[in-house]
């Protein structure tokens, strides 16, 4: 049979376990208080909003009524700009993020259905970007809207001015070939290279 004294802890083992458990407790408390301090700092010293301004997109007359074009902002976000009215005023256009708030798939405009559609999980958005069916509607999500203005028939979109620090003062159009095959259901999920 086994030695009954071999299963008992020695005083040095007990002291080591006590010190180890104290150390683990101190590390846990330090992490908790550090997290609390970081949260308090973010509350007391919130980040300042970035300075925003308008950047040239295109001549408003170049858009046909019902036509949508995809543009890339200087910071890399893709935006659907759709002419929904017959005129060339800012109210005749809408600029919405082309990123679905559900899982980040690329949303596109379907003029024949008068809607924005996300192919990943059949998310549907109305012309104003409000989700009407699919997972985004279930979660009460909408597409991010960008302010627009028209000056002398030129269309401008409001973006963060820190995004145009590289000197580009206009949005770049995105073509269908700029979305190479990638993972998931949506080929525009590809993030392997920066698209221009």
N, C-alpha and C. Protein backbone atom coordinates (compact mmCIF):
# COMPACT_ATOMS: atom_id res chain seq x y z
N UNK A 1 0.82 -1.17 0.00
CA UNK A 1 0.00 0.00 0.00
C UNK A 1 0.87 1.25 0.00
N UNK A 2 0.21 2.36 -0.23
CA UNK A 2 0.96 3.60 -0.34
C UNK A 2 1.34 4.17 1.01
N UNK A 3 2.30 5.03 1.01
CA UNK A 3 2.77 5.71 2.21
C UNK A 3 1.81 6.84 2.55
N UNK A 4 1.13 6.83 3.71
CA UNK A 4 0.18 7.88 4.05
C UNK A 4 0.85 9.23 4.24
N UNK A 5 2.09 9.27 4.60
CA UNK A 5 2.76 10.54 4.77
C UNK A 5 3.16 11.17 3.44
N UNK A 6 3.22 10.39 2.37
CA UNK A 6 3.60 10.93 1.06
C UNK A 6 2.51 11.78 0.44
N UNK A 7 1.25 11.61 0.88
CA UNK A 7 0.14 12.38 0.31
C UNK A 7 -0.08 13.71 1.04
N UNK A 8 0.53 13.89 2.17
CA UNK A 8 0.35 15.12 2.93
C UNK A 8 1.25 16.22 2.39
N UNK A 9 0.76 17.48 2.56
CA UNK A 9 1.55 18.63 2.13
C UNK A 9 2.58 18.97 3.20
N UNK A 10 3.71 19.40 2.76
CA UNK A 10 4.72 19.86 3.70
C UNK A 10 4.48 21.34 3.97
N UNK A 11 5.01 21.85 5.05
CA UNK A 11 4.81 23.28 5.34
C UNK A 11 5.34 24.20 4.23
N UNK A 12 6.41 23.80 3.56
CA UNK A 12 6.95 24.65 2.49
C UNK A 12 6.01 24.65 1.28
N UNK A 13 5.37 23.51 0.98
CA UNK A 13 4.40 23.46 -0.12
C UNK A 13 3.19 24.32 0.20
N UNK A 14 2.73 24.23 1.44
CA UNK A 14 1.56 25.01 1.86
C UNK A 14 1.88 26.51 1.76
N UNK A 15 3.05 26.91 2.17
CA UNK A 15 3.45 28.32 2.10
C UNK A 15 3.56 28.78 0.65
N UNK A 16 4.07 27.90 -0.21
CA UNK A 16 4.18 28.25 -1.63
C UNK A 16 2.80 28.43 -2.26
N UNK A 17 1.87 27.53 -1.94
CA UNK A 17 0.51 27.65 -2.46
C UNK A 17 -0.18 28.91 -1.95
N UNK A 18 0.05 29.25 -0.69
CA UNK A 18 -0.53 30.46 -0.11
C UNK A 18 0.01 31.69 -0.81
N UNK A 19 1.31 31.72 -1.05
CA UNK A 19 1.91 32.87 -1.73
C UNK A 19 1.43 32.95 -3.18
N UNK A 20 1.28 31.81 -3.84
CA UNK A 20 0.82 31.79 -5.22
C UNK A 20 -0.63 32.29 -5.33
N UNK A 21 -1.47 31.86 -4.38
CA UNK A 21 -2.86 32.32 -4.42
C UNK A 21 -2.96 33.80 -4.10
N UNK A 22 -2.13 34.31 -3.20
CA UNK A 22 -2.10 35.74 -2.92
C UNK A 22 -1.65 36.53 -4.15
N UNK A 23 -0.65 36.02 -4.83
CA UNK A 23 -0.16 36.69 -6.03
C UNK A 23 -1.24 36.72 -7.11
N UNK A 24 -1.95 35.61 -7.29
CA UNK A 24 -3.03 35.56 -8.28
C UNK A 24 -4.14 36.55 -7.93
N UNK A 25 -4.45 36.67 -6.63
CA UNK A 25 -5.47 37.61 -6.19
C UNK A 25 -5.01 39.05 -6.44
N UNK A 26 -3.75 39.35 -6.18
CA UNK A 26 -3.24 40.71 -6.42
C UNK A 26 -3.24 41.05 -7.91
N UNK A 27 -2.88 40.09 -8.75
CA UNK A 27 -2.89 40.32 -10.20
C UNK A 27 -4.33 40.58 -10.67
N UNK A 28 -5.27 39.79 -10.16
CA UNK A 28 -6.68 39.99 -10.52
C UNK A 28 -7.20 41.34 -10.07
N UNK A 29 -6.88 41.73 -8.84
CA UNK A 29 -7.29 43.05 -8.35
C UNK A 29 -6.65 44.17 -9.15
N UNK A 30 -5.38 44.01 -9.47
CA UNK A 30 -4.70 45.03 -10.28
C UNK A 30 -5.33 45.19 -11.65
N UNK A 31 -5.69 44.07 -12.28
CA UNK A 31 -6.34 44.14 -13.59
C UNK A 31 -7.70 44.79 -13.48
N UNK A 32 -8.45 44.45 -12.43
CA UNK A 32 -9.78 45.05 -12.26
C UNK A 32 -9.69 46.55 -12.01
N UNK A 33 -8.80 46.96 -11.10
CA UNK A 33 -8.66 48.39 -10.83
C UNK A 33 -8.07 49.14 -12.03
N UNK A 34 -7.19 48.49 -12.77
CA UNK A 34 -6.64 49.12 -13.98
C UNK A 34 -7.72 49.34 -15.03
N UNK A 35 -8.60 48.35 -15.20
CA UNK A 35 -9.71 48.49 -16.14
C UNK A 35 -10.64 49.61 -15.69
N UNK A 36 -10.94 49.66 -14.40
CA UNK A 36 -11.79 50.72 -13.87
C UNK A 36 -11.16 52.09 -14.09
N UNK A 37 -9.87 52.21 -13.86
CA UNK A 37 -9.18 53.48 -14.07
C UNK A 37 -9.21 53.89 -15.54
N UNK A 38 -9.04 52.94 -16.44
CA UNK A 38 -9.09 53.26 -17.88
C UNK A 38 -10.48 53.72 -18.27
N UNK A 39 -11.52 53.07 -17.75
CA UNK A 39 -12.90 53.48 -18.06
C UNK A 39 -13.19 54.87 -17.50
N UNK A 40 -12.72 55.15 -16.30
CA UNK A 40 -12.93 56.48 -15.72
C UNK A 40 -12.20 57.54 -16.53
N UNK A 41 -11.00 57.24 -16.99
CA UNK A 41 -10.25 58.20 -17.79
C UNK A 41 -10.96 58.50 -19.10
N UNK A 42 -11.55 57.47 -19.72
CA UNK A 42 -12.29 57.70 -20.97
C UNK A 42 -13.54 58.53 -20.72
N UNK A 43 -14.14 58.36 -19.53
CA UNK A 43 -15.33 59.14 -19.19
C UNK A 43 -14.95 60.59 -18.88
N UNK A 44 -13.89 60.78 -18.11
CA UNK A 44 -13.49 62.13 -17.72
C UNK A 44 -12.80 62.89 -18.84
N UNK A 45 -12.11 62.20 -19.71
CA UNK A 45 -11.39 62.84 -20.81
C UNK A 45 -11.79 62.18 -22.13
N UNK A 46 -13.01 62.44 -22.61
CA UNK A 46 -13.45 61.79 -23.86
C UNK A 46 -12.65 62.30 -25.05
N UNK A 47 -12.60 61.47 -26.09
CA UNK A 47 -11.89 61.89 -27.29
C UNK A 47 -12.67 63.01 -27.95
N UNK A 48 -11.95 63.91 -28.53
CA UNK A 48 -12.59 65.04 -29.20
C UNK A 48 -13.08 64.59 -30.57
N UNK A 49 -14.24 65.10 -30.97
CA UNK A 49 -14.71 64.75 -32.32
C UNK A 49 -13.77 65.34 -33.36
N UNK A 50 -13.61 64.63 -34.44
CA UNK A 50 -12.71 65.11 -35.49
C UNK A 50 -13.35 66.28 -36.22
N UNK A 51 -12.52 67.13 -36.76
CA UNK A 51 -12.99 68.26 -37.54
C UNK A 51 -13.49 67.71 -38.87
N UNK A 52 -14.69 68.12 -39.25
CA UNK A 52 -15.31 67.59 -40.46
C UNK A 52 -15.44 68.71 -41.49
N UNK A 53 -15.44 68.32 -42.75
CA UNK A 53 -15.62 69.26 -43.84
C UNK A 53 -16.10 68.54 -45.08
N UNK A 54 -16.45 69.31 -46.10
CA UNK A 54 -16.99 68.74 -47.32
C UNK A 54 -15.89 68.50 -48.35
N UNK A 55 -16.00 67.34 -49.03
CA UNK A 55 -15.05 66.92 -50.05
C UNK A 55 -15.82 66.69 -51.35
N UNK A 56 -15.23 67.08 -52.47
CA UNK A 56 -15.87 66.95 -53.78
C UNK A 56 -16.06 65.49 -54.15
N UNK A 57 -17.26 65.18 -54.72
CA UNK A 57 -17.57 63.83 -55.17
C UNK A 57 -17.60 63.78 -56.69
N UNK A 58 -18.54 64.52 -57.30
CA UNK A 58 -18.72 64.49 -58.75
C UNK A 58 -19.69 65.61 -59.14
N UNK A 59 -19.86 65.80 -60.44
CA UNK A 59 -20.88 66.72 -60.93
C UNK A 59 -22.23 66.06 -60.72
N UNK A 60 -23.13 66.74 -60.05
CA UNK A 60 -24.44 66.16 -59.73
C UNK A 60 -25.22 65.80 -60.98
N UNK A 61 -24.99 66.51 -62.07
CA UNK A 61 -25.73 66.24 -63.31
C UNK A 61 -25.29 64.95 -63.99
N UNK A 62 -24.15 64.40 -63.59
CA UNK A 62 -23.66 63.15 -64.17
C UNK A 62 -24.46 61.94 -63.69
N UNK A 63 -25.15 62.07 -62.57
CA UNK A 63 -25.98 60.98 -62.04
C UNK A 63 -27.34 60.99 -62.73
N UNK A 64 -27.76 59.84 -63.23
CA UNK A 64 -29.12 59.70 -63.75
C UNK A 64 -30.06 59.45 -62.57
N UNK A 65 -31.32 59.89 -62.64
CA UNK A 65 -32.26 59.57 -61.56
C UNK A 65 -32.34 58.05 -61.33
N UNK A 66 -32.21 57.63 -60.08
CA UNK A 66 -32.23 56.22 -59.72
C UNK A 66 -30.87 55.56 -59.77
N UNK A 67 -29.86 56.27 -60.24
CA UNK A 67 -28.52 55.69 -60.36
C UNK A 67 -27.77 55.79 -59.04
N UNK A 68 -26.99 54.76 -58.74
CA UNK A 68 -26.14 54.74 -57.56
C UNK A 68 -24.71 54.48 -57.99
N UNK A 69 -23.79 55.13 -57.31
CA UNK A 69 -22.37 54.90 -57.54
C UNK A 69 -21.70 54.67 -56.19
N UNK A 70 -20.67 53.85 -56.22
CA UNK A 70 -19.93 53.55 -55.00
C UNK A 70 -18.62 54.32 -55.04
N UNK A 71 -18.33 55.00 -53.95
CA UNK A 71 -17.10 55.78 -53.82
C UNK A 71 -16.36 55.34 -52.57
N UNK A 72 -15.05 55.57 -52.58
CA UNK A 72 -14.21 55.26 -51.43
C UNK A 72 -13.70 56.59 -50.87
N UNK A 73 -13.93 56.77 -49.56
CA UNK A 73 -13.45 57.99 -48.90
C UNK A 73 -11.93 57.89 -48.73
N UNK A 74 -11.27 59.02 -48.45
CA UNK A 74 -9.82 58.95 -48.23
C UNK A 74 -9.41 58.03 -47.09
N UNK A 75 -10.31 57.80 -46.13
CA UNK A 75 -9.97 56.89 -45.02
C UNK A 75 -10.26 55.44 -45.36
N UNK A 76 -10.83 55.16 -46.55
CA UNK A 76 -11.03 53.80 -47.00
C UNK A 76 -12.44 53.26 -46.88
N UNK A 77 -13.38 54.03 -46.32
CA UNK A 77 -14.77 53.56 -46.23
C UNK A 77 -15.43 53.66 -47.59
N UNK A 78 -16.32 52.72 -47.88
CA UNK A 78 -17.07 52.77 -49.13
C UNK A 78 -18.45 53.35 -48.86
N UNK A 79 -18.90 54.19 -49.80
CA UNK A 79 -20.14 54.93 -49.65
C UNK A 79 -20.96 54.77 -50.92
N UNK A 80 -22.25 54.43 -50.78
CA UNK A 80 -23.19 54.43 -51.91
C UNK A 80 -23.80 55.81 -52.00
N UNK A 81 -23.65 56.46 -53.14
CA UNK A 81 -24.31 57.74 -53.37
C UNK A 81 -25.34 57.50 -54.45
N UNK A 82 -26.61 57.76 -54.12
CA UNK A 82 -27.73 57.45 -55.00
C UNK A 82 -28.51 58.72 -55.29
N UNK A 83 -28.83 58.92 -56.56
CA UNK A 83 -29.71 60.03 -56.93
C UNK A 83 -31.14 59.50 -56.89
N UNK A 84 -31.91 59.97 -55.93
CA UNK A 84 -33.26 59.47 -55.75
C UNK A 84 -34.32 60.43 -56.26
N UNK A 85 -33.95 61.67 -56.51
CA UNK A 85 -34.89 62.65 -57.02
C UNK A 85 -34.57 63.04 -58.45
N UNK A 86 -35.43 63.87 -59.03
CA UNK A 86 -35.24 64.30 -60.43
C UNK A 86 -34.35 65.54 -60.52
N UNK A 87 -34.21 66.29 -59.44
CA UNK A 87 -33.42 67.51 -59.47
C UNK A 87 -31.95 67.26 -59.16
N UNK A 88 -31.22 68.37 -58.98
CA UNK A 88 -29.79 68.25 -58.65
C UNK A 88 -29.48 68.94 -57.32
N UNK A 89 -30.46 69.04 -56.43
CA UNK A 89 -30.24 69.59 -55.09
C UNK A 89 -29.76 68.47 -54.17
N UNK A 90 -29.23 68.85 -53.04
CA UNK A 90 -28.73 67.86 -52.08
C UNK A 90 -29.84 66.91 -51.63
N UNK A 91 -31.08 67.39 -51.57
CA UNK A 91 -32.21 66.56 -51.15
C UNK A 91 -32.52 65.46 -52.15
N UNK A 92 -32.02 65.58 -53.39
CA UNK A 92 -32.27 64.58 -54.42
C UNK A 92 -31.27 63.43 -54.35
N UNK A 93 -30.31 63.52 -53.45
CA UNK A 93 -29.26 62.51 -53.31
C UNK A 93 -29.25 61.97 -51.89
N UNK A 94 -28.75 60.77 -51.74
CA UNK A 94 -28.51 60.21 -50.41
C UNK A 94 -27.16 59.49 -50.46
N UNK A 95 -26.37 59.68 -49.40
CA UNK A 95 -25.07 59.01 -49.28
C UNK A 95 -25.12 58.11 -48.05
N UNK A 96 -25.01 56.81 -48.28
CA UNK A 96 -25.09 55.83 -47.21
C UNK A 96 -23.86 54.92 -47.23
N UNK A 97 -23.44 54.52 -46.06
CA UNK A 97 -22.34 53.56 -45.97
C UNK A 97 -22.74 52.29 -46.71
N UNK A 98 -21.80 51.70 -47.43
CA UNK A 98 -22.10 50.46 -48.13
C UNK A 98 -21.77 49.24 -47.27
N UNK A 99 -21.46 49.47 -46.01
CA UNK A 99 -21.14 48.38 -45.09
C UNK A 99 -22.38 48.05 -44.26
N UNK A 100 -22.84 46.82 -44.38
CA UNK A 100 -24.02 46.38 -43.63
C UNK A 100 -23.68 46.36 -42.14
N UNK A 101 -24.54 46.94 -41.29
CA UNK A 101 -24.24 46.96 -39.86
C UNK A 101 -24.36 45.59 -39.20
N UNK A 102 -24.90 44.60 -39.91
CA UNK A 102 -25.05 43.26 -39.33
C UNK A 102 -23.70 42.56 -39.21
N UNK A 103 -23.05 42.28 -40.35
CA UNK A 103 -21.76 41.59 -40.32
C UNK A 103 -20.70 42.24 -41.19
N UNK A 104 -20.97 43.41 -41.74
CA UNK A 104 -19.95 44.12 -42.51
C UNK A 104 -19.89 43.77 -43.98
N UNK A 105 -20.88 43.09 -44.52
CA UNK A 105 -20.90 42.79 -45.95
C UNK A 105 -21.19 44.06 -46.74
N UNK A 106 -20.94 44.03 -48.04
CA UNK A 106 -21.15 45.20 -48.88
C UNK A 106 -22.60 45.24 -49.38
N UNK A 107 -23.26 46.35 -49.11
CA UNK A 107 -24.63 46.59 -49.52
C UNK A 107 -24.62 47.27 -50.88
N UNK A 108 -25.57 46.94 -51.75
CA UNK A 108 -25.64 47.61 -53.05
C UNK A 108 -27.07 48.04 -53.34
N UNK A 109 -27.21 49.04 -54.22
CA UNK A 109 -28.50 49.61 -54.58
C UNK A 109 -29.14 48.78 -55.68
N UNK A 110 -30.41 48.45 -55.51
CA UNK A 110 -31.20 47.77 -56.53
C UNK A 110 -32.29 48.73 -56.97
N UNK A 111 -32.05 49.43 -58.08
CA UNK A 111 -33.00 50.44 -58.55
C UNK A 111 -34.35 49.82 -58.90
N UNK A 112 -34.36 48.62 -59.48
CA UNK A 112 -35.61 47.98 -59.88
C UNK A 112 -36.49 47.65 -58.67
N UNK A 113 -35.88 47.45 -57.51
CA UNK A 113 -36.63 47.14 -56.29
C UNK A 113 -36.73 48.33 -55.33
N UNK A 114 -36.08 49.45 -55.70
CA UNK A 114 -36.07 50.66 -54.88
C UNK A 114 -35.60 50.36 -53.46
N UNK A 115 -34.42 49.69 -53.35
CA UNK A 115 -33.91 49.30 -52.05
C UNK A 115 -32.41 49.07 -52.12
N UNK A 116 -31.80 49.05 -50.93
CA UNK A 116 -30.42 48.60 -50.78
C UNK A 116 -30.49 47.16 -50.29
N UNK A 117 -29.60 46.32 -50.80
CA UNK A 117 -29.66 44.89 -50.49
C UNK A 117 -28.30 44.39 -50.05
N UNK A 118 -28.30 43.59 -48.99
CA UNK A 118 -27.09 42.93 -48.51
C UNK A 118 -27.21 41.45 -48.86
N UNK A 119 -26.31 40.92 -49.71
CA UNK A 119 -26.43 39.54 -50.16
C UNK A 119 -26.03 38.49 -49.13
N UNK A 120 -25.37 38.87 -48.07
CA UNK A 120 -24.90 37.87 -47.11
C UNK A 120 -26.04 37.14 -46.41
N UNK A 121 -27.00 37.91 -45.88
CA UNK A 121 -28.10 37.29 -45.13
C UNK A 121 -29.43 37.92 -45.52
N UNK A 122 -29.53 38.39 -46.76
CA UNK A 122 -30.76 38.97 -47.30
C UNK A 122 -31.26 40.16 -46.49
N UNK A 123 -30.34 41.02 -46.08
CA UNK A 123 -30.72 42.25 -45.40
C UNK A 123 -31.25 43.25 -46.42
N UNK A 124 -32.37 43.88 -46.11
CA UNK A 124 -32.99 44.85 -47.02
C UNK A 124 -33.12 46.18 -46.30
N UNK A 125 -32.76 47.26 -47.01
CA UNK A 125 -32.84 48.61 -46.47
C UNK A 125 -33.66 49.46 -47.44
N UNK A 126 -34.47 50.37 -46.91
CA UNK A 126 -35.26 51.25 -47.77
C UNK A 126 -34.35 52.33 -48.37
N UNK A 127 -34.86 53.20 -49.24
CA UNK A 127 -34.01 54.22 -49.88
C UNK A 127 -33.34 55.18 -48.90
N UNK A 128 -33.85 55.29 -47.68
CA UNK A 128 -33.23 56.15 -46.68
C UNK A 128 -32.20 55.41 -45.84
N UNK A 129 -32.03 54.09 -46.07
CA UNK A 129 -31.05 53.31 -45.34
C UNK A 129 -31.56 52.63 -44.09
N UNK A 130 -32.88 52.67 -43.86
CA UNK A 130 -33.47 52.01 -42.69
C UNK A 130 -33.75 50.55 -43.03
N UNK A 131 -33.32 49.64 -42.17
CA UNK A 131 -33.51 48.21 -42.42
C UNK A 131 -34.99 47.86 -42.37
N UNK A 132 -35.44 47.09 -43.37
CA UNK A 132 -36.85 46.69 -43.43
C UNK A 132 -37.04 45.18 -43.28
N UNK A 133 -36.00 44.40 -43.54
CA UNK A 133 -36.11 42.95 -43.32
C UNK A 133 -34.72 42.35 -43.18
N UNK A 134 -34.69 41.11 -42.73
CA UNK A 134 -33.43 40.41 -42.51
C UNK A 134 -32.87 40.72 -41.14
N UNK A 135 -31.66 40.21 -40.85
CA UNK A 135 -31.05 40.42 -39.53
C UNK A 135 -30.88 41.89 -39.14
N UNK A 136 -30.54 42.81 -40.09
CA UNK A 136 -30.44 44.21 -39.66
C UNK A 136 -31.77 44.77 -39.15
N UNK A 137 -32.88 44.39 -39.77
CA UNK A 137 -34.20 44.86 -39.31
C UNK A 137 -34.52 44.27 -37.94
N UNK A 138 -34.19 42.98 -37.74
CA UNK A 138 -34.44 42.35 -36.45
C UNK A 138 -33.68 43.05 -35.33
N UNK A 139 -32.49 43.57 -35.65
CA UNK A 139 -31.66 44.25 -34.65
C UNK A 139 -31.92 45.75 -34.60
N UNK A 140 -32.79 46.26 -35.48
CA UNK A 140 -33.09 47.70 -35.50
C UNK A 140 -31.93 48.54 -36.00
N UNK A 141 -31.15 48.01 -36.93
CA UNK A 141 -29.97 48.71 -37.44
C UNK A 141 -30.29 49.44 -38.74
N UNK A 142 -29.53 50.49 -39.01
CA UNK A 142 -29.66 51.24 -40.25
C UNK A 142 -28.28 51.51 -40.82
N UNK A 143 -28.23 51.90 -42.08
CA UNK A 143 -26.97 52.26 -42.72
C UNK A 143 -26.57 53.66 -42.27
N UNK A 144 -25.29 53.86 -42.05
CA UNK A 144 -24.77 55.17 -41.67
C UNK A 144 -24.98 56.15 -42.81
N UNK A 145 -25.53 57.33 -42.53
CA UNK A 145 -25.79 58.32 -43.57
C UNK A 145 -24.76 59.45 -43.47
N UNK A 146 -24.29 59.90 -44.63
CA UNK A 146 -23.33 60.99 -44.73
C UNK A 146 -24.04 62.25 -45.23
N UNK A 147 -23.77 63.42 -44.63
CA UNK A 147 -24.37 64.66 -45.13
C UNK A 147 -23.81 65.02 -46.51
N UNK A 148 -24.67 65.56 -47.36
CA UNK A 148 -24.30 65.99 -48.71
C UNK A 148 -24.67 67.45 -48.89
N UNK A 149 -24.01 68.10 -49.85
CA UNK A 149 -24.42 69.43 -50.28
C UNK A 149 -24.09 69.56 -51.76
N UNK A 150 -24.85 70.41 -52.43
CA UNK A 150 -24.62 70.70 -53.85
C UNK A 150 -24.36 72.18 -53.98
N UNK A 151 -23.27 72.53 -54.66
CA UNK A 151 -22.91 73.93 -54.90
C UNK A 151 -22.54 74.06 -56.36
N UNK A 152 -23.31 74.85 -57.11
CA UNK A 152 -23.09 75.05 -58.55
C UNK A 152 -23.05 73.71 -59.28
N UNK A 153 -24.00 72.86 -58.98
CA UNK A 153 -24.15 71.52 -59.59
C UNK A 153 -23.01 70.56 -59.23
N UNK A 154 -22.19 70.91 -58.28
CA UNK A 154 -21.12 70.02 -57.82
C UNK A 154 -21.54 69.39 -56.50
N UNK A 155 -21.40 68.07 -56.41
CA UNK A 155 -21.83 67.31 -55.25
C UNK A 155 -20.66 67.14 -54.29
N UNK A 156 -20.91 67.42 -53.00
CA UNK A 156 -19.90 67.30 -51.96
C UNK A 156 -20.44 66.43 -50.84
N UNK A 157 -19.53 65.70 -50.17
CA UNK A 157 -19.90 64.85 -49.04
C UNK A 157 -19.06 65.27 -47.84
N UNK A 158 -19.67 65.20 -46.66
CA UNK A 158 -18.96 65.58 -45.44
C UNK A 158 -18.21 64.37 -44.87
N UNK A 159 -16.90 64.53 -44.67
CA UNK A 159 -16.04 63.51 -44.07
C UNK A 159 -15.14 64.17 -43.05
N UNK A 160 -14.45 63.38 -42.26
CA UNK A 160 -13.48 63.91 -41.31
C UNK A 160 -12.30 64.49 -42.08
N UNK A 161 -11.93 65.74 -41.77
CA UNK A 161 -10.84 66.38 -42.50
C UNK A 161 -9.50 65.75 -42.20
N UNK A 162 -9.36 65.06 -41.09
CA UNK A 162 -8.10 64.37 -40.82
C UNK A 162 -7.90 63.24 -41.82
N UNK A 163 -9.00 62.77 -42.43
CA UNK A 163 -8.91 61.71 -43.43
C UNK A 163 -8.32 62.20 -44.74
N UNK A 164 -8.32 63.51 -44.98
CA UNK A 164 -7.81 64.02 -46.26
C UNK A 164 -6.44 64.66 -46.08
N UNK A 165 -5.74 64.27 -45.03
CA UNK A 165 -4.41 64.83 -44.77
C UNK A 165 -3.41 64.48 -45.85
N UNK A 166 -3.65 63.42 -46.62
CA UNK A 166 -2.72 63.03 -47.66
C UNK A 166 -2.86 63.89 -48.92
N UNK A 167 -3.77 64.87 -48.89
CA UNK A 167 -3.89 65.78 -50.02
C UNK A 167 -5.01 65.46 -50.99
N UNK A 168 -5.61 64.27 -50.88
CA UNK A 168 -6.71 63.94 -51.78
C UNK A 168 -7.94 64.70 -51.33
N UNK A 169 -8.52 65.48 -52.22
CA UNK A 169 -9.67 66.28 -51.87
C UNK A 169 -10.92 65.83 -52.59
N UNK A 170 -10.95 64.58 -53.05
CA UNK A 170 -12.15 64.05 -53.68
C UNK A 170 -12.24 62.56 -53.41
N UNK A 171 -13.43 62.03 -53.60
CA UNK A 171 -13.63 60.61 -53.41
C UNK A 171 -13.25 59.86 -54.67
N UNK A 172 -12.78 58.65 -54.49
CA UNK A 172 -12.40 57.81 -55.61
C UNK A 172 -13.56 56.87 -55.95
N UNK A 173 -13.94 56.78 -57.23
CA UNK A 173 -15.00 55.82 -57.59
C UNK A 173 -14.50 54.39 -57.45
N UNK A 174 -15.39 53.50 -57.07
CA UNK A 174 -15.07 52.08 -56.93
C UNK A 174 -15.79 51.35 -58.04
N UNK A 175 -15.06 50.55 -58.79
CA UNK A 175 -15.67 49.78 -59.87
C UNK A 175 -15.93 48.36 -59.40
N UNK A 176 -16.75 47.65 -60.13
CA UNK A 176 -17.07 46.26 -59.76
C UNK A 176 -15.82 45.40 -59.75
N UNK A 177 -14.86 45.67 -60.62
CA UNK A 177 -13.64 44.86 -60.66
C UNK A 177 -12.75 45.11 -59.45
N UNK A 178 -13.06 46.17 -58.66
CA UNK A 178 -12.26 46.46 -57.47
C UNK A 178 -12.60 45.55 -56.31
N UNK A 179 -13.56 44.67 -56.49
CA UNK A 179 -13.95 43.74 -55.43
C UNK A 179 -13.56 42.33 -55.83
N UNK A 180 -12.30 41.95 -55.63
CA UNK A 180 -11.86 40.61 -56.01
C UNK A 180 -12.52 39.55 -55.14
N UNK A 181 -12.47 38.29 -55.59
CA UNK A 181 -13.08 37.22 -54.80
C UNK A 181 -12.44 37.13 -53.42
N UNK A 182 -13.25 36.85 -52.44
CA UNK A 182 -12.74 36.77 -51.08
C UNK A 182 -13.57 35.81 -50.26
N UNK A 183 -13.35 35.81 -48.94
CA UNK A 183 -14.06 34.88 -48.09
C UNK A 183 -15.52 35.26 -47.93
N UNK A 184 -16.33 34.32 -47.52
CA UNK A 184 -17.74 34.60 -47.24
C UNK A 184 -18.58 34.61 -48.50
N UNK A 185 -19.80 35.07 -48.35
CA UNK A 185 -20.75 35.10 -49.45
C UNK A 185 -20.54 36.30 -50.36
N UNK A 186 -19.91 37.34 -49.85
CA UNK A 186 -19.81 38.61 -50.56
C UNK A 186 -18.38 38.82 -51.05
N UNK A 187 -18.15 38.94 -52.36
CA UNK A 187 -16.78 39.12 -52.84
C UNK A 187 -16.18 40.44 -52.38
N UNK A 188 -16.97 41.41 -51.98
CA UNK A 188 -16.41 42.68 -51.54
C UNK A 188 -15.97 42.66 -50.09
N UNK A 189 -15.99 41.49 -49.45
CA UNK A 189 -15.45 41.37 -48.11
C UNK A 189 -13.93 41.27 -48.15
N UNK A 190 -13.37 41.15 -49.33
CA UNK A 190 -11.93 40.98 -49.48
C UNK A 190 -11.21 42.18 -48.88
N UNK A 191 -10.26 41.94 -48.00
CA UNK A 191 -9.53 43.02 -47.37
C UNK A 191 -8.02 42.83 -47.52
N UNK A 192 -7.63 42.01 -48.49
CA UNK A 192 -6.23 41.68 -48.63
C UNK A 192 -5.37 42.85 -49.08
N UNK A 193 -5.88 43.71 -49.92
CA UNK A 193 -5.12 44.86 -50.39
C UNK A 193 -5.99 46.09 -50.31
N UNK A 194 -5.35 47.23 -50.28
CA UNK A 194 -6.10 48.49 -50.25
C UNK A 194 -6.60 48.77 -51.66
N UNK A 195 -7.88 48.97 -51.78
CA UNK A 195 -8.46 49.26 -53.09
C UNK A 195 -8.46 50.75 -53.32
N UNK A 196 -8.14 51.17 -54.54
CA UNK A 196 -8.18 52.60 -54.85
C UNK A 196 -9.11 52.85 -55.98
